[in-house]
Amino acid sequence: MTQRYLRFEVVPIDEILPDVKAHWNEGRARVQRPDGRWVGVSSLRMRTFARAGTSAAGMKCVCCGLEGTFFAVEQSPGQESFHLNLYGMRDGEEILFTHDHIKARALGGADNLSNSQLMCSPCNAQKAKGEGKEVARLRKLKEKNAEAND
């Protein structure tokens, strides 16, 4: 796997979820890690992870069932801020998780928790391919209808 982030710490899931729940309704809440780094815990992505972690299904990709097993405190190269990423393991390889918009925003889906689900990055990429084709199809249809109405 190509490392896209600089990693500073691996953190158990059960150490992070209480912080997310404690700051659930706060806009841009951050908590300080023992090493002094501040990480965000109230984003839609983090709330999606926490909701999955407390559900009967657990921290699993809704498509393939891969389980998220740990968080990592990481930093994007060139950035000052730190963030938490959720990972699972498949065949000895770390797989990054994301929150997925059930109905893509490009197709009119809302950017809120009721339209968000836990998904591993490979499954999310596959889903995005299909959504991209649908967006292109709808765009062509819209252009065709506009031409017909001229």
Protein backbone atom coordinates (compact mmCIF):
# COMPACT_ATOMS: atom_id res chain seq x y z
CA MET A 1 0.00 0.00 0.00
CA THR A 2 1.26 3.47 -0.81
CA GLN A 3 1.23 5.52 2.38
CA ARG A 4 -0.74 8.69 1.68
CA TYR A 5 -0.45 9.93 5.25
CA LEU A 6 2.22 10.40 7.87
CA ARG A 7 1.32 8.15 10.80
CA PHE A 8 2.00 9.11 14.41
CA GLU A 9 -0.06 6.71 16.49
CA VAL A 10 -2.34 3.69 16.25
CA VAL A 11 -5.35 3.94 18.58
CA PRO A 12 -7.92 1.30 19.55
CA ILE A 13 -11.46 2.00 18.35
CA ASP A 14 -12.89 1.92 21.87
CA GLU A 15 -10.55 4.75 22.87
CA ILE A 16 -11.89 7.11 20.17
CA LEU A 17 -15.65 6.43 20.06
CA PRO A 18 -16.37 7.96 23.50
CA ASP A 19 -14.76 11.24 22.35
CA VAL A 20 -16.91 11.27 19.21
CA LYS A 21 -20.07 10.63 21.25
CA ALA A 22 -19.12 13.29 23.82
CA HIS A 23 -18.78 15.94 21.09
CA TRP A 24 -21.53 14.65 18.76
CA ASN A 25 -23.39 17.95 18.38
CA GLU A 26 -20.39 20.27 18.29
CA GLY A 27 -19.38 21.89 15.03
CA ARG A 28 -15.64 21.34 14.80
CA ALA A 29 -14.69 19.71 18.08
CA ARG A 30 -11.17 18.49 18.63
CA VAL A 31 -9.62 16.50 21.43
CA GLN A 32 -6.01 16.44 22.54
CA ARG A 33 -4.16 13.14 22.36
CA PRO A 34 -1.68 12.22 25.13
CA ASP A 35 1.22 13.25 22.87
CA GLY A 36 -0.26 16.76 22.52
CA ARG A 37 -1.68 16.41 19.00
CA TRP A 38 -5.22 17.69 18.47
CA VAL A 39 -7.60 15.60 16.31
CA GLY A 40 -11.12 16.30 15.10
CA VAL A 41 -13.89 14.10 16.46
CA SER A 42 -17.16 15.71 15.36
CA SER A 43 -17.13 15.55 11.55
CA LEU A 44 -19.79 13.70 9.61
CA ARG A 45 -17.18 11.05 8.82
CA MET A 46 -16.38 10.50 12.51
CA ARG A 47 -20.07 10.44 13.48
CA THR A 48 -20.66 7.85 10.74
CA PHE A 49 -17.87 5.71 12.21
CA ALA A 50 -19.27 6.07 15.74
CA ARG A 51 -22.81 5.19 14.66
CA ALA A 52 -21.49 2.06 12.93
CA GLY A 53 -19.47 1.18 16.02
CA THR A 54 -22.58 1.14 18.18
CA SER A 55 -24.82 -0.69 15.70
CA ALA A 56 -25.53 -4.41 15.64
CA ALA A 57 -23.61 -4.69 12.36
CA GLY A 58 -20.52 -3.10 13.92
CA MET A 59 -17.65 -1.33 12.21
CA LYS A 60 -18.03 -3.18 8.91
CA CYS A 61 -18.11 -2.11 5.30
CA VAL A 62 -21.72 -2.25 4.14
CA CYS A 63 -20.62 -3.86 0.86
CA CYS A 64 -17.90 -6.43 1.55
CA GLY A 65 -18.15 -6.82 5.33
CA LEU A 66 -14.51 -5.91 6.03
CA GLU A 67 -14.22 -4.82 9.65
CA GLY A 68 -12.56 -1.61 10.76
CA THR A 69 -10.16 -2.56 13.54
CA PHE A 70 -8.16 0.52 14.54
CA PHE A 71 -7.79 4.25 14.16
CA ALA A 72 -4.54 5.98 13.26
CA VAL A 73 -3.58 9.56 14.09
CA GLU A 74 -2.24 10.81 10.78
CA GLN A 75 -1.29 13.91 8.89
CA SER A 76 -1.51 14.64 5.19
CA PRO A 77 1.92 15.60 3.80
CA GLY A 78 2.27 19.38 3.75
CA GLN A 79 -0.58 19.93 6.22
CA GLU A 80 -0.31 21.12 9.81
CA SER A 81 -3.45 19.47 11.17
CA PHE A 82 -3.83 15.87 12.33
CA HIS A 83 -6.82 13.60 11.78
CA LEU A 84 -8.08 10.13 12.61
CA ASN A 85 -8.40 7.49 9.92
CA LEU A 86 -10.13 4.15 10.37
CA TYR A 87 -8.45 1.03 8.97
CA GLY A 88 -9.18 -2.66 8.62
CA MET A 89 -6.90 -5.48 7.53
CA ARG A 90 -7.30 -7.72 4.47
CA ASP A 91 -4.64 -10.29 3.60
CA GLY A 92 -2.06 -8.43 5.69
CA GLU A 93 -2.77 -5.09 3.99
CA GLU A 94 -4.25 -2.02 5.69
CA ILE A 95 -7.49 -0.87 4.07
CA LEU A 96 -8.66 2.69 4.68
CA PHE A 97 -12.33 3.25 5.51
CA THR A 98 -14.47 6.21 4.61
CA HIS A 99 -18.01 7.36 5.02
CA ASP A 100 -20.08 6.93 1.89
CA HIS A 101 -23.05 8.99 0.81
CA ILE A 102 -25.78 6.40 0.24
CA LYS A 103 -27.22 8.61 -2.48
CA ALA A 104 -24.31 10.49 -4.04
CA ARG A 105 -24.28 14.23 -3.53
CA ALA A 106 -23.84 14.62 -7.31
CA LEU A 107 -27.14 12.77 -7.70
CA GLY A 108 -28.96 14.96 -5.17
CA GLY A 109 -28.07 13.16 -1.96
CA ALA A 110 -27.86 15.10 1.28
CA ASP A 111 -24.62 15.65 3.19
CA ASN A 112 -25.95 14.38 6.51
CA LEU A 113 -25.82 11.35 8.80
CA SER A 114 -29.02 9.78 7.48
CA ASN A 115 -27.41 9.61 4.02
CA SER A 116 -24.07 8.29 5.28
CA GLN A 117 -22.76 4.76 5.76
CA LEU A 118 -19.46 3.05 6.57
CA MET A 119 -17.56 1.70 3.57
CA CYS A 120 -14.01 0.61 2.84
CA SER A 121 -12.15 2.64 0.23
CA PRO A 122 -12.02 -0.12 -2.45
CA CYS A 123 -15.80 -0.61 -2.29
CA ASN A 124 -16.34 3.15 -2.26
CA ALA A 125 -14.20 3.52 -5.39
CA GLN A 126 -16.25 0.83 -7.18
CA LYS A 127 -19.49 2.52 -6.19
CA ALA A 128 -18.17 5.90 -7.37
CA LYS A 129 -17.45 4.49 -10.84
CA GLY A 130 -21.10 3.55 -11.28
CA GLU A 131 -22.29 6.88 -9.89
CA GLY A 132 -19.98 8.76 -12.24
CA LYS A 133 -21.54 6.98 -15.20
CA GLU A 134 -25.01 7.87 -13.92
CA VAL A 135 -24.07 11.54 -13.46
CA ALA A 136 -22.71 11.64 -17.04
CA ARG A 137 -25.88 9.96 -18.36
CA LEU A 138 -28.11 12.47 -16.58
CA ARG A 139 -25.99 15.39 -17.79
CA LYS A 140 -26.33 14.21 -21.43
CA LEU A 141 -30.07 13.76 -20.98
CA LYS A 142 -30.38 17.26 -19.56
CA GLU A 143 -28.38 18.73 -22.47
CA LYS A 144 -30.52 16.79 -24.98
CA ASN A 145 -33.72 18.08 -23.37
CA ALA A 146 -32.38 21.64 -23.37
CA GLU A 147 -31.59 21.40 -27.09
CA ALA A 148 -35.05 20.02 -27.82
CA ASN A 149 -36.65 22.95 -25.96
CA ASP A 150 -34.68 25.59 -27.92
